[in-house]
Amino acid sequence: MAALSAWFWNEKFWLPHNVTWADLADRAPGVEYPKARHLLAVLPLAAAMFAVRMLFERFVASPCARSFHIHPNVVQRAQPNAVLEKVFLSLTKNPDARRLDGLSKQLDWEVRKVQRWFRQRRNQDKPSTHVKFCESMWRLTFYACIFTYGFQFLWQTPWMWDTRHCWYGYPHQVLTPPLYNYYMTELAFYWSLMFSQFIDIRRKDFLAMLVHHLATVLLISFSYANNMVRAGTLVMCLHDASDILLEAAKLANYAKYRRLCDLLFIVFGLTFLVTRLIIFPMRILNSSMFESWLIVGPFPSWWLFNVLLLVLQALHLIWFYLIAGIAVQGVLKGKLGNDVRSDVESSSEDESATAGDQSRTKMTMHVQKMKSINGSHWILLLICHMRQSTPFQ
């Protein structure tokens, strides 16, 4: 294990030339540098944050949801049937007409009864609007608190106003308590999301979100270990600003305040445009690529992080295209669509979709693509589009 650890944390890869891990040892009283072992402290913090979330959703978010007349749904469970369950789990959750007809003959059921069974079975795995409201309220609360803390902290730092301070003296940059608290809290939040995925109702994007959370955890951890935390704090704060508005728009949507939802979504889109398509490339990318080149010079992990930041910027462009499309359709149709992952299907729905149903389905597919913005960081780079090719796979 010692040999594997030494190979993985090769200072020739992670640190600038002529700098070793020994150089980052604390050499004076009160001087502290980021170290990989600090990351172990985040696990109990993540467990505590997960416990806080459970209490928050039960005693704060749930009563708030009921005040908006959003109550937990009692979903009718499909009757046990081994044949249909096998088809549902191993073949398809939405059988076509041919398969429905075959199952109808095999079970001696009416086709509509088979349709109803699959509808009820799908609904068993879908969280209700009440559950989604509680989740979004927790995320909104976290993002608002961490953004406020991060912004107040960064307001007093020199690199907030002059990004060259992200690289002056790098990597010999002292770790302050507020900086440590900010980074560890963000990291603990994503660890807690990983914990919760295994007890929450399973959604169809489970694997994609698990990869996303794992990638975020790994990349926050690696940026901390090689002390790129100053640039990291800027980008985390920048991204949290729009995440607050997205969660607020979702809450308004669940509460059926359509006009407020539309307004918040438009403000979210404008904030996304300013923070991720203007400030991010002009300040963050410019600093990480050009200012750091002049002040520190390139080294292997420098290339890695800058390539990933460029990929993130490309994703920003794709996401904004989707957001703009949703906003335009929302203005034209009067609503922004629903959460395709978890809406409960009506018991009276017709399994053959009409042209209007197909249009709404297309809209909600765009919403689902946009949802990957949730909680995005500068290290959101391993989200589905790239998880097959990154070095942290």
Protein backbone atom coordinates (compact mmCIF):
# COMPACT_ATOMS: atom_id res chain seq x y z
CA MET A 1 0.00 0.00 0.00
CA ALA A 2 2.85 2.36 0.77
CA ALA A 3 4.32 1.80 -2.70
CA LEU A 4 0.91 2.34 -4.33
CA SER A 5 0.34 5.54 -2.35
CA ALA A 6 3.80 6.83 -3.25
CA TRP A 7 3.12 6.12 -6.93
CA PHE A 8 -0.29 7.79 -6.88
CA TRP A 9 0.86 10.89 -5.00
CA ASN A 10 3.94 11.31 -7.15
CA GLU A 11 5.06 14.86 -6.48
CA LYS A 12 6.44 15.16 -10.01
CA PHE A 13 2.87 14.94 -11.27
CA TRP A 14 0.96 16.91 -8.63
CA LEU A 15 3.40 19.72 -7.79
CA PRO A 16 5.41 22.29 -9.74
CA HIS A 17 8.99 21.51 -10.66
CA ASN A 18 11.49 21.48 -7.80
CA VAL A 19 8.71 21.32 -5.17
CA THR A 20 8.17 18.28 -2.95
CA TRP A 21 5.57 17.25 -0.39
CA ALA A 22 8.19 17.83 2.28
CA ASP A 23 8.32 21.48 1.25
CA LEU A 24 4.65 21.75 2.24
CA ALA A 25 5.25 20.48 5.75
CA ASP A 26 4.31 23.00 8.44
CA ARG A 27 7.53 24.82 9.20
CA ALA A 28 6.33 27.57 11.51
CA PRO A 29 3.78 27.82 14.33
CA GLY A 30 0.36 28.75 12.99
CA VAL A 31 1.28 27.92 9.38
CA GLU A 32 -0.81 25.18 7.81
CA TYR A 33 -0.89 23.80 4.26
CA PRO A 34 -3.51 21.47 2.75
CA LYS A 35 -2.65 17.80 3.20
CA ALA A 36 -4.30 14.67 1.89
CA ARG A 37 -4.86 13.34 5.42
CA HIS A 38 -7.12 16.31 6.17
CA LEU A 39 -9.66 14.74 3.82
CA LEU A 40 -10.39 11.96 6.33
CA ALA A 41 -12.09 14.51 8.58
CA VAL A 42 -14.79 15.07 5.98
CA LEU A 43 -16.40 11.63 6.44
CA PRO A 44 -17.87 12.23 9.93
CA LEU A 45 -18.87 15.72 8.76
CA ALA A 46 -20.70 14.20 5.79
CA ALA A 47 -22.50 11.75 8.08
CA ALA A 48 -23.55 14.63 10.34
CA MET A 49 -24.74 16.62 7.33
CA PHE A 50 -26.79 13.65 6.15
CA ALA A 51 -28.41 13.41 9.59
CA VAL A 52 -29.16 17.15 9.51
CA ARG A 53 -30.78 16.69 6.11
CA MET A 54 -33.07 13.94 7.43
CA LEU A 55 -34.16 16.14 10.35
CA PHE A 56 -34.55 19.19 8.10
CA GLU A 57 -36.75 17.36 5.60
CA ARG A 58 -38.92 15.86 8.33
CA PHE A 59 -39.40 18.84 10.63
CA VAL A 60 -38.95 21.84 8.29
CA ALA A 61 -39.41 20.96 4.63
CA SER A 62 -42.29 18.51 5.06
CA PRO A 63 -44.51 20.92 7.06
CA CYS A 64 -43.64 23.63 4.54
CA ALA A 65 -44.71 21.34 1.68
CA ARG A 66 -48.02 20.62 3.43
CA SER A 67 -48.61 24.34 3.81
CA PHE A 68 -48.57 24.49 0.00
CA HIS A 69 -51.00 21.54 -0.10
CA ILE A 70 -48.27 19.15 -1.25
CA HIS A 71 -48.95 15.94 0.62
CA PRO A 72 -47.22 12.56 0.47
CA ASN A 73 -48.87 10.44 -2.19
CA VAL A 74 -50.09 6.96 -1.42
CA VAL A 75 -49.23 5.16 -4.65
CA GLN A 76 -51.21 2.03 -5.42
CA ARG A 77 -48.79 -0.89 -5.65
CA ALA A 78 -48.99 -3.33 -8.52
CA GLN A 79 -50.20 -6.80 -7.59
CA PRO A 80 -47.37 -9.37 -7.39
CA ASN A 81 -46.82 -11.12 -10.71
CA ALA A 82 -43.59 -13.03 -11.41
CA VAL A 83 -43.92 -12.92 -15.20
CA LEU A 84 -44.53 -9.19 -15.46
CA GLU A 85 -41.92 -8.43 -12.79
CA LYS A 86 -39.29 -10.32 -14.79
CA VAL A 87 -40.19 -8.38 -17.94
CA PHE A 88 -40.15 -5.10 -16.01
CA LEU A 89 -36.73 -5.68 -14.44
CA SER A 90 -34.88 -7.35 -17.30
CA LEU A 91 -36.52 -6.29 -20.56
CA THR A 92 -38.55 -3.08 -20.54
CA LYS A 93 -40.51 -0.80 -18.25
CA ASN A 94 -42.60 0.49 -21.16
CA PRO A 95 -43.63 -2.47 -23.32
CA ASP A 96 -44.76 -1.78 -26.86
CA ALA A 97 -48.09 -2.91 -28.30
CA ARG A 98 -46.69 -6.19 -29.58
CA ARG A 99 -45.23 -7.17 -26.21
CA LEU A 100 -48.38 -6.07 -24.40
CA ASP A 101 -50.46 -8.28 -26.66
CA GLY A 102 -48.17 -11.25 -26.02
CA LEU A 103 -48.27 -10.78 -22.26
CA SER A 104 -52.03 -10.40 -22.40
CA LYS A 105 -52.39 -13.78 -24.10
CA GLN A 106 -49.82 -15.43 -21.81
CA LEU A 107 -51.55 -14.28 -18.61
CA ASP A 108 -55.10 -14.30 -20.00
CA TRP A 109 -55.45 -10.66 -18.99
CA GLU A 110 -56.94 -7.79 -20.92
CA VAL A 111 -54.33 -5.57 -22.58
CA ARG A 112 -55.51 -2.61 -20.53
CA LYS A 113 -54.98 -4.56 -17.32
CA VAL A 114 -51.37 -5.28 -18.36
CA GLN A 115 -50.91 -1.60 -19.18
CA ARG A 116 -52.28 -0.66 -15.76
CA TRP A 117 -49.88 -3.09 -14.04
CA PHE A 118 -46.84 -1.56 -15.75
CA ARG A 119 -48.07 1.95 -14.95
CA GLN A 120 -48.53 1.11 -11.28
CA ARG A 121 -45.17 -0.67 -11.16
CA ARG A 122 -43.38 2.34 -12.64
CA ASN A 123 -45.06 4.66 -10.15
CA GLN A 124 -43.80 2.57 -7.23
CA ASP A 125 -40.24 3.68 -8.01
CA LYS A 126 -41.05 7.36 -8.51
CA PRO A 127 -40.81 9.87 -5.66
CA SER A 128 -43.85 12.02 -5.10
CA THR A 129 -43.93 15.78 -5.50
CA HIS A 130 -43.75 15.96 -1.70
CA VAL A 131 -40.42 14.09 -1.70
CA LYS A 132 -39.03 16.24 -4.52
CA PHE A 133 -40.13 19.42 -2.74
CA CYS A 134 -38.32 18.37 0.44
CA GLU A 135 -35.14 17.48 -1.48
CA SER A 136 -35.11 20.79 -3.37
CA MET A 137 -35.78 22.77 -0.19
CA TRP A 138 -32.79 21.12 1.48
CA ARG A 139 -30.56 21.87 -1.52
CA LEU A 140 -31.81 25.45 -1.72
CA THR A 141 -31.07 25.94 1.97
CA PHE A 142 -27.59 24.47 1.65
CA TYR A 143 -26.68 26.42 -1.48
CA ALA A 144 -27.95 29.68 0.01
CA CYS A 145 -25.99 29.17 3.23
CA ILE A 146 -22.76 28.02 1.59
CA PHE A 147 -22.92 30.79 -1.03
CA THR A 148 -23.42 33.41 1.68
CA TYR A 149 -20.52 32.03 3.70
CA GLY A 150 -18.27 31.68 0.65
CA PHE A 151 -19.05 35.15 -0.68
CA GLN A 152 -18.41 36.80 2.69
CA PHE A 153 -15.15 34.91 3.01
CA LEU A 154 -13.98 35.69 -0.52
CA TRP A 155 -14.92 39.37 -0.19
CA GLN A 156 -12.02 39.74 2.24
CA THR A 157 -9.46 37.84 0.16
CA PRO A 158 -7.06 39.43 -2.32
CA TRP A 159 -7.73 36.79 -5.01
CA MET A 160 -11.41 37.79 -5.15
CA TRP A 161 -10.33 41.09 -6.71
CA ASP A 162 -7.05 40.14 -8.38
CA THR A 163 -6.96 36.52 -9.57
CA ARG A 164 -3.18 36.58 -9.88
CA HIS A 165 -3.14 36.09 -6.11
CA CYS A 166 -4.38 32.55 -6.77
CA TRP A 167 -0.85 31.81 -8.01
CA TYR A 168 1.51 34.13 -6.18
CA GLY A 169 3.67 31.89 -4.00
CA TYR A 170 1.95 28.71 -5.19
CA PRO A 171 1.96 26.05 -3.78
CA HIS A 172 3.27 27.64 -0.55
CA GLN A 173 -0.09 29.28 0.23
CA VAL A 174 -1.25 29.12 3.82
CA LEU A 175 -4.51 27.33 4.60
CA THR A 176 -6.74 29.55 6.76
CA PRO A 177 -9.62 28.23 8.92
CA PRO A 178 -12.38 29.90 6.81
CA LEU A 179 -10.89 28.47 3.62
CA TYR A 180 -10.64 25.02 5.19
CA ASN A 181 -14.22 25.19 6.47
CA TYR A 182 -15.53 26.28 3.07
CA TYR A 183 -13.79 23.50 1.17
CA MET A 184 -14.61 20.76 3.66
CA THR A 185 -18.29 21.76 3.85
CA GLU A 186 -18.67 21.61 0.08
CA LEU A 187 -16.90 18.25 0.00
CA ALA A 188 -19.02 16.88 2.85
CA PHE A 189 -22.18 17.92 1.03
CA TYR A 190 -21.31 15.78 -1.98
CA TRP A 191 -20.31 12.87 0.24
CA SER A 192 -23.72 13.14 1.90
CA LEU A 193 -25.42 13.08 -1.51
CA MET A 194 -23.62 9.82 -2.23
CA PHE A 195 -24.86 8.37 1.06
CA SER A 196 -28.44 9.44 0.42
CA GLN A 197 -28.63 7.90 -3.03
CA PHE A 198 -28.59 4.42 -1.51
CA ILE A 199 -31.58 5.03 0.76
CA ASP A 200 -33.62 7.45 -1.35
CA ILE A 201 -36.16 6.14 -3.81
CA ARG A 202 -34.18 4.76 -6.75
CA ARG A 203 -34.40 6.97 -9.83
CA LYS A 204 -33.55 6.08 -13.38
CA ASP A 205 -30.56 8.44 -13.41
CA PHE A 206 -29.13 6.71 -10.33
CA LEU A 207 -25.92 5.54 -12.02
CA ALA A 208 -25.28 8.83 -13.78
CA MET A 209 -25.73 10.84 -10.58
CA LEU A 210 -23.62 8.39 -8.60
CA VAL A 211 -20.78 8.86 -11.10
CA HIS A 212 -21.31 12.61 -10.95
CA HIS A 213 -21.13 12.76 -7.15
CA LEU A 214 -18.12 10.45 -7.04
CA ALA A 215 -16.31 12.51 -9.67
CA THR A 216 -17.06 15.72 -7.79
CA VAL A 217 -15.78 14.23 -4.53
CA LEU A 218 -12.57 13.02 -6.18
CA LEU A 219 -11.81 16.26 -7.96
CA ILE A 220 -12.55 18.50 -4.97
CA SER A 221 -10.26 16.22 -2.98
CA PHE A 222 -7.45 16.32 -5.55
CA SER A 223 -7.65 20.11 -5.94
CA TYR A 224 -7.37 20.38 -2.16
CA ALA A 225 -4.43 17.97 -1.94
CA ASN A 226 -2.28 19.95 -4.38
CA ASN A 227 -3.41 23.30 -2.91
CA MET A 228 -5.32 24.71 -5.89
CA VAL A 229 -7.91 25.82 -3.37
CA ARG A 230 -7.87 29.55 -4.11
CA ALA A 231 -9.04 29.03 -7.68
CA GLY A 232 -11.39 26.33 -6.44
CA THR A 233 -13.15 28.65 -3.99
CA LEU A 234 -13.78 31.20 -6.72
CA VAL A 235 -15.39 28.67 -9.02
CA MET A 236 -17.46 26.99 -6.31
CA CYS A 237 -18.92 30.33 -5.25
CA LEU A 238 -19.53 31.28 -8.87
CA HIS A 239 -21.50 28.10 -9.56
CA ASP A 240 -23.49 28.10 -6.32
CA ALA A 241 -25.03 31.46 -7.26
CA SER A 242 -27.12 30.01 -10.10
CA ASP A 243 -27.84 26.73 -8.31
CA ILE A 244 -29.80 28.68 -5.68
CA LEU A 245 -32.11 30.07 -8.34
CA LEU A 246 -32.59 26.72 -10.02
CA GLU A 247 -33.73 25.08 -6.78
CA ALA A 248 -36.01 28.02 -6.04
CA ALA A 249 -37.60 27.67 -9.49
CA LYS A 250 -38.18 23.96 -8.88
CA LEU A 251 -39.87 24.69 -5.55
CA ALA A 252 -42.17 27.20 -7.22
CA ASN A 253 -42.98 24.63 -9.87
CA TYR A 254 -43.84 21.94 -7.29
CA ALA A 255 -46.03 24.44 -5.42
CA LYS A 256 -47.76 25.28 -8.74
CA TYR A 257 -46.77 28.94 -8.71
CA ARG A 258 -46.27 28.93 -12.47
CA ARG A 259 -45.59 32.61 -12.99
CA LEU A 260 -43.07 32.69 -10.16
CA CYS A 261 -41.47 29.53 -11.55
CA ASP A 262 -41.14 31.12 -15.00
CA LEU A 263 -39.69 34.31 -13.53
CA LEU A 264 -37.16 32.46 -11.37
CA PHE A 265 -36.15 30.27 -14.28
CA ILE A 266 -35.52 33.28 -16.49
CA VAL A 267 -33.48 34.94 -13.73
CA PHE A 268 -31.61 31.66 -13.32
CA GLY A 269 -30.85 31.61 -17.05
CA LEU A 270 -29.54 35.18 -16.96
CA THR A 271 -27.43 34.43 -13.89
CA PHE A 272 -26.08 31.31 -15.58
CA LEU A 273 -25.17 33.40 -18.63
CA VAL A 274 -23.31 36.02 -16.60
CA THR A 275 -21.51 33.70 -14.20
CA ARG A 276 -20.63 30.75 -16.43
CA LEU A 277 -20.35 32.21 -19.90
CA ILE A 278 -18.85 35.60 -19.05
CA ILE A 279 -17.18 35.66 -15.63
CA PHE A 280 -15.99 32.05 -15.72
CA PRO A 281 -14.00 32.28 -18.98
CA MET A 282 -12.87 35.89 -18.56
CA ARG A 283 -11.63 35.52 -14.99
CA ILE A 284 -11.28 31.86 -14.00
CA LEU A 285 -10.05 30.36 -17.25
CA ASN A 286 -7.90 33.38 -18.01
CA SER A 287 -6.28 33.10 -14.59
CA SER A 288 -5.83 29.31 -14.55
CA MET A 289 -4.41 29.15 -18.07
CA PHE A 290 -2.49 32.38 -18.67
CA GLU A 291 -1.77 34.07 -15.34
CA SER A 292 -0.68 30.79 -13.74
CA TRP A 293 1.53 30.03 -16.76
CA LEU A 294 3.40 33.32 -16.29
CA ILE A 295 3.61 33.12 -12.48
CA VAL A 296 4.07 29.38 -11.77
CA GLY A 297 4.60 27.68 -15.11
CA PRO A 298 2.99 24.47 -16.36
CA PHE A 299 3.39 21.05 -14.73
CA PRO A 300 1.51 17.73 -15.31
CA SER A 301 -1.48 18.25 -13.00
CA TRP A 302 -1.70 21.87 -14.25
CA TRP A 303 -2.40 20.51 -17.73
CA LEU A 304 -4.95 18.08 -16.36
CA PHE A 305 -7.00 20.65 -14.46
CA ASN A 306 -6.95 23.19 -17.27
CA VAL A 307 -8.10 20.65 -19.84
CA LEU A 308 -10.96 19.70 -17.53
CA LEU A 309 -11.88 23.35 -17.01
CA LEU A 310 -12.03 23.79 -20.79
CA VAL A 311 -14.33 20.78 -21.05
CA LEU A 312 -16.49 22.29 -18.33
CA GLN A 313 -16.74 25.50 -20.33
CA ALA A 314 -17.87 23.49 -23.35
CA LEU A 315 -20.55 21.90 -21.15
CA HIS A 316 -21.60 25.38 -20.01
CA LEU A 317 -22.28 26.27 -23.64
CA ILE A 318 -24.34 23.10 -24.16
CA TRP A 319 -26.28 23.63 -20.94
CA PHE A 320 -27.04 27.24 -21.79
CA TYR A 321 -28.36 26.18 -25.18
CA LEU A 322 -30.75 23.79 -23.40
CA ILE A 323 -31.72 26.44 -20.82
CA ALA A 324 -32.46 28.99 -23.54
CA GLY A 325 -34.59 26.45 -25.37
CA ILE A 326 -36.56 25.66 -22.20
CA ALA A 327 -37.05 29.36 -21.46
CA VAL A 328 -38.36 30.07 -24.97
CA GLN A 329 -40.75 27.11 -24.87
CA GLY A 330 -41.80 28.05 -21.35
CA VAL A 331 -42.74 31.56 -22.45
CA LEU A 332 -44.64 30.24 -25.46
CA LYS A 333 -46.44 27.43 -23.61
CA GLY A 334 -46.84 29.06 -20.22
CA LYS A 335 -44.86 26.52 -18.22
CA LEU A 336 -41.39 25.07 -18.05
CA GLY A 337 -42.20 21.37 -17.87
CA ASN A 338 -42.02 18.80 -15.12
CA ASP A 339 -39.42 16.50 -13.61
CA VAL A 340 -39.38 13.60 -16.04
CA ARG A 341 -37.51 11.47 -13.51
CA SER A 342 -40.24 11.28 -10.97
CA ASP A 343 -43.70 12.49 -11.97
CA VAL A 344 -46.37 9.99 -11.02
CA GLU A 345 -48.36 8.85 -14.03
CA SER A 346 -52.09 9.31 -14.04
CA SER A 347 -54.11 6.17 -13.50
CA SER A 348 -56.31 7.11 -16.41
CA GLU A 349 -53.56 7.84 -18.87
CA ASP A 350 -53.80 6.48 -22.37
CA GLU A 351 -50.69 4.42 -23.14
CA SER A 352 -50.66 5.62 -26.71
CA ALA A 353 -49.38 9.18 -26.50
CA THR A 354 -51.10 11.95 -28.37
CA ALA A 355 -49.20 14.60 -30.27
CA GLY A 356 -49.55 16.89 -27.28
CA ASP A 357 -48.18 14.24 -24.93
CA GLN A 358 -45.18 13.76 -27.19
CA SER A 359 -44.52 17.50 -27.15
CA ARG A 360 -44.61 17.59 -23.33
CA THR A 361 -42.36 14.55 -23.18
CA LYS A 362 -39.83 16.25 -25.44
CA MET A 363 -39.93 19.32 -23.20
CA THR A 364 -39.35 17.33 -20.01
CA MET A 365 -36.45 15.51 -21.64
CA HIS A 366 -34.77 18.89 -22.09
CA VAL A 367 -35.50 19.70 -18.43
CA GLN A 368 -33.86 16.43 -17.37
CA LYS A 369 -30.73 17.23 -19.39
CA MET A 370 -30.61 20.64 -17.77
CA LYS A 371 -30.90 19.08 -14.28
CA SER A 372 -27.31 17.92 -14.50
CA ILE A 373 -26.42 21.55 -13.76
CA ASN A 374 -27.60 20.96 -10.19
CA GLY A 375 -24.83 21.39 -7.73
CA SER A 376 -22.30 21.75 -10.50
CA HIS A 377 -18.78 22.76 -9.61
CA TRP A 378 -15.67 23.55 -11.53
CA ILE A 379 -15.09 19.85 -11.01
CA LEU A 380 -18.30 18.67 -12.54
CA LEU A 381 -16.28 17.31 -15.41
CA LEU A 382 -16.95 13.63 -15.04
CA ILE A 383 -20.67 13.97 -15.45
CA CYS A 384 -22.01 11.46 -17.95
CA HIS A 385 -20.52 13.06 -21.07
CA MET A 386 -16.96 12.35 -20.02
CA ARG A 387 -16.92 9.64 -17.40
CA GLN A 388 -15.52 7.14 -19.89
CA SER A 389 -12.41 9.13 -20.72
CA THR A 390 -11.18 11.06 -17.68
CA PRO A 391 -8.10 10.00 -15.72
CA PHE A 392 -10.16 9.71 -12.52
CA GLN A 393 -12.49 7.03 -13.90
